[in-house]
Amino acid sequence: MNIKEAEILCQAGALNTPIVKRHESGAGWTVTLAGKHQLNPLLETARGQVRVFKRLDAAVGVLFGIGFGEIHVNR
């Protein structure tokens, strides 16, 4: 799911608390947005690739911008 889809689902209350975790390569952070939807739960780029944030604060900033008030971070 891309950011625009996440904003719409967040406003509709269809998303659970997002989970930010280390990317498999260890070179960044990915975001999982589970909830009541049939979309890919990983936050994606506009081209459909998994979005990998280089810094944790960048990922958290995007999630707060989407409209979330609480975020879980896993190592």
N, C-alpha and C. Protein backbone atom coordinates (compact mmCIF):
# COMPACT_ATOMS: atom_id res chain seq x y z
N MET A 1 0.84 -1.17 0.00
CA MET A 1 0.00 0.00 0.00
C MET A 1 0.89 1.23 0.00
N ASN A 2 0.47 2.24 -0.73
CA ASN A 2 1.26 3.48 -0.76
C ASN A 2 0.74 4.46 0.30
N ILE A 3 1.37 5.60 0.40
CA ILE A 3 1.05 6.55 1.46
C ILE A 3 -0.38 7.09 1.32
N LYS A 4 -0.81 7.37 0.10
CA LYS A 4 -2.16 7.91 -0.11
C LYS A 4 -3.22 6.90 0.35
N GLU A 5 -3.04 5.63 0.01
CA GLU A 5 -3.97 4.59 0.45
C GLU A 5 -3.96 4.48 1.98
N ALA A 6 -2.77 4.59 2.57
CA ALA A 6 -2.65 4.51 4.02
C ALA A 6 -3.38 5.66 4.71
N GLU A 7 -3.29 6.87 4.14
CA GLU A 7 -4.00 8.03 4.70
C GLU A 7 -5.50 7.79 4.71
N ILE A 8 -6.02 7.29 3.59
CA ILE A 8 -7.47 7.05 3.48
C ILE A 8 -7.92 5.99 4.47
N LEU A 9 -7.16 4.88 4.56
CA LEU A 9 -7.52 3.80 5.49
C LEU A 9 -7.38 4.23 6.95
N CYS A 10 -6.40 5.08 7.24
CA CYS A 10 -6.21 5.57 8.60
C CYS A 10 -7.39 6.45 9.01
N GLN A 11 -7.82 7.32 8.12
CA GLN A 11 -8.97 8.19 8.41
C GLN A 11 -10.24 7.39 8.60
N ALA A 12 -10.34 6.25 7.89
CA ALA A 12 -11.52 5.39 8.01
C ALA A 12 -11.46 4.48 9.23
N GLY A 13 -10.31 4.46 9.92
CA GLY A 13 -10.15 3.62 11.10
C GLY A 13 -9.94 2.15 10.77
N ALA A 14 -9.44 1.87 9.57
CA ALA A 14 -9.27 0.48 9.13
C ALA A 14 -7.87 -0.07 9.36
N LEU A 15 -6.99 0.71 9.99
CA LEU A 15 -5.62 0.25 10.22
C LEU A 15 -5.33 0.10 11.71
N ASN A 16 -4.55 -0.92 12.03
CA ASN A 16 -4.07 -1.11 13.40
C ASN A 16 -2.85 -0.22 13.62
N THR A 17 -2.30 -0.26 14.82
CA THR A 17 -1.08 0.50 15.11
C THR A 17 0.04 0.01 14.20
N PRO A 18 0.73 0.92 13.50
CA PRO A 18 1.79 0.50 12.58
C PRO A 18 3.00 -0.06 13.33
N ILE A 19 3.70 -0.98 12.68
CA ILE A 19 4.90 -1.58 13.25
C ILE A 19 6.07 -1.24 12.35
N VAL A 20 7.10 -0.64 12.93
CA VAL A 20 8.32 -0.32 12.22
C VAL A 20 9.36 -1.33 12.66
N LYS A 21 10.02 -1.99 11.69
CA LYS A 21 11.04 -2.98 12.05
C LYS A 21 12.21 -2.89 11.09
N ARG A 22 13.32 -3.47 11.53
CA ARG A 22 14.54 -3.48 10.72
C ARG A 22 14.30 -4.24 9.43
N HIS A 23 14.81 -3.72 8.34
CA HIS A 23 14.72 -4.40 7.05
C HIS A 23 15.62 -5.63 7.08
N GLU A 24 15.27 -6.63 6.30
CA GLU A 24 16.03 -7.89 6.28
C GLU A 24 17.52 -7.67 6.05
N SER A 25 17.86 -6.71 5.21
CA SER A 25 19.26 -6.45 4.90
C SER A 25 19.97 -5.72 6.04
N GLY A 26 19.20 -5.19 6.99
CA GLY A 26 19.80 -4.43 8.09
C GLY A 26 20.16 -3.02 7.70
N ALA A 27 19.83 -2.62 6.47
CA ALA A 27 20.23 -1.31 5.97
C ALA A 27 19.10 -0.30 6.02
N GLY A 28 18.13 -0.49 6.90
CA GLY A 28 17.04 0.48 6.97
C GLY A 28 15.86 -0.07 7.74
N TRP A 29 14.72 0.59 7.58
CA TRP A 29 13.50 0.27 8.33
C TRP A 29 12.32 0.13 7.39
N THR A 30 11.45 -0.85 7.65
CA THR A 30 10.22 -1.02 6.88
C THR A 30 9.02 -0.83 7.80
N VAL A 31 7.86 -0.54 7.20
CA VAL A 31 6.65 -0.26 7.95
C VAL A 31 5.56 -1.27 7.55
N THR A 32 4.93 -1.90 8.55
CA THR A 32 3.82 -2.81 8.32
C THR A 32 2.54 -2.14 8.82
N LEU A 33 1.53 -2.12 7.95
CA LEU A 33 0.25 -1.49 8.27
C LEU A 33 -0.86 -2.55 8.16
N ALA A 34 -1.04 -3.32 9.20
CA ALA A 34 -2.07 -4.36 9.20
C ALA A 34 -3.41 -3.75 9.58
N GLY A 35 -4.47 -4.45 9.25
CA GLY A 35 -5.80 -3.97 9.61
C GLY A 35 -6.86 -4.63 8.77
N LYS A 36 -7.99 -3.93 8.63
CA LYS A 36 -9.14 -4.45 7.89
C LYS A 36 -9.08 -4.01 6.43
N HIS A 37 -8.18 -4.63 5.67
CA HIS A 37 -8.04 -4.32 4.25
C HIS A 37 -7.42 -5.51 3.54
N GLN A 38 -7.49 -5.49 2.23
CA GLN A 38 -6.95 -6.58 1.42
C GLN A 38 -5.67 -6.17 0.69
N LEU A 39 -5.09 -5.05 1.04
CA LEU A 39 -3.89 -4.56 0.38
C LEU A 39 -2.64 -5.17 1.01
N ASN A 40 -1.52 -5.03 0.32
CA ASN A 40 -0.24 -5.46 0.87
C ASN A 40 0.02 -4.65 2.14
N PRO A 41 0.30 -5.29 3.28
CA PRO A 41 0.45 -4.54 4.53
C PRO A 41 1.75 -3.74 4.63
N LEU A 42 2.71 -3.97 3.74
CA LEU A 42 3.95 -3.20 3.79
C LEU A 42 3.78 -1.88 3.05
N LEU A 43 4.33 -0.81 3.63
CA LEU A 43 4.30 0.49 2.98
C LEU A 43 5.19 0.42 1.75
N GLU A 44 4.67 0.90 0.61
CA GLU A 44 5.37 0.79 -0.66
C GLU A 44 5.67 2.16 -1.27
N THR A 45 6.58 2.15 -2.22
CA THR A 45 6.84 3.35 -3.01
C THR A 45 5.75 3.48 -4.06
N ALA A 46 5.76 4.55 -4.83
CA ALA A 46 4.77 4.75 -5.89
C ALA A 46 4.89 3.69 -6.98
N ARG A 47 6.06 3.09 -7.12
CA ARG A 47 6.28 2.07 -8.14
C ARG A 47 6.01 0.65 -7.65
N GLY A 48 5.55 0.51 -6.42
CA GLY A 48 5.18 -0.80 -5.91
C GLY A 48 6.28 -1.57 -5.20
N GLN A 49 7.43 -0.96 -4.99
CA GLN A 49 8.51 -1.60 -4.25
C GLN A 49 8.35 -1.33 -2.75
N VAL A 50 8.85 -2.23 -1.93
CA VAL A 50 8.78 -2.02 -0.48
C VAL A 50 9.59 -0.77 -0.15
N ARG A 51 8.99 0.12 0.61
CA ARG A 51 9.68 1.37 0.99
C ARG A 51 10.59 1.09 2.17
N VAL A 52 11.88 1.35 1.99
CA VAL A 52 12.88 1.16 3.04
C VAL A 52 13.40 2.53 3.44
N PHE A 53 13.17 2.88 4.70
CA PHE A 53 13.62 4.17 5.23
C PHE A 53 15.04 4.00 5.77
N LYS A 54 15.93 4.91 5.44
CA LYS A 54 17.31 4.83 5.93
C LYS A 54 17.39 5.15 7.42
N ARG A 55 16.51 6.05 7.88
CA ARG A 55 16.54 6.46 9.29
C ARG A 55 15.19 6.19 9.94
N LEU A 56 15.23 5.80 11.19
CA LEU A 56 14.02 5.51 11.94
C LEU A 56 13.15 6.76 12.09
N ASP A 57 13.77 7.91 12.32
CA ASP A 57 12.98 9.13 12.49
C ASP A 57 12.23 9.52 11.22
N ALA A 58 12.76 9.17 10.07
CA ALA A 58 12.06 9.44 8.81
C ALA A 58 10.80 8.58 8.71
N ALA A 59 10.90 7.32 9.08
CA ALA A 59 9.74 6.42 9.05
C ALA A 59 8.66 6.90 10.01
N VAL A 60 9.07 7.27 11.21
CA VAL A 60 8.12 7.74 12.22
C VAL A 60 7.47 9.05 11.77
N GLY A 61 8.23 9.93 11.16
CA GLY A 61 7.68 11.20 10.66
C GLY A 61 6.61 10.99 9.60
N VAL A 62 6.84 10.04 8.70
CA VAL A 62 5.84 9.74 7.67
C VAL A 62 4.58 9.18 8.31
N LEU A 63 4.72 8.30 9.29
CA LEU A 63 3.56 7.71 9.95
C LEU A 63 2.76 8.75 10.73
N PHE A 64 3.43 9.67 11.40
CA PHE A 64 2.70 10.75 12.08
C PHE A 64 2.01 11.64 11.05
N GLY A 65 2.65 11.85 9.90
CA GLY A 65 2.05 12.64 8.84
C GLY A 65 0.80 11.98 8.26
N ILE A 66 0.78 10.66 8.23
CA ILE A 66 -0.39 9.93 7.75
C ILE A 66 -1.55 10.12 8.72
N GLY A 67 -1.24 10.24 10.01
CA GLY A 67 -2.30 10.47 10.99
C GLY A 67 -2.29 9.53 12.18
N PHE A 68 -1.26 8.71 12.30
CA PHE A 68 -1.17 7.80 13.44
C PHE A 68 -0.71 8.56 14.69
N GLY A 69 -1.20 8.14 15.84
CA GLY A 69 -0.79 8.74 17.10
C GLY A 69 0.11 7.83 17.91
N GLU A 70 0.14 6.54 17.55
CA GLU A 70 0.94 5.56 18.26
C GLU A 70 1.63 4.66 17.25
N ILE A 71 2.91 4.34 17.52
CA ILE A 71 3.71 3.52 16.62
C ILE A 71 4.52 2.53 17.45
N HIS A 72 4.60 1.28 17.00
CA HIS A 72 5.44 0.27 17.65
C HIS A 72 6.71 0.08 16.83
N VAL A 73 7.85 -0.01 17.54
CA VAL A 73 9.13 -0.22 16.88
C VAL A 73 9.73 -1.53 17.39
N ASN A 74 10.07 -2.42 16.46
CA ASN A 74 10.73 -3.69 16.79
C ASN A 74 12.13 -3.69 16.20
N ARG A 75 13.08 -4.25 16.97
CA ARG A 75 14.44 -4.34 16.46
C ARG A 75 14.60 -5.50 15.55
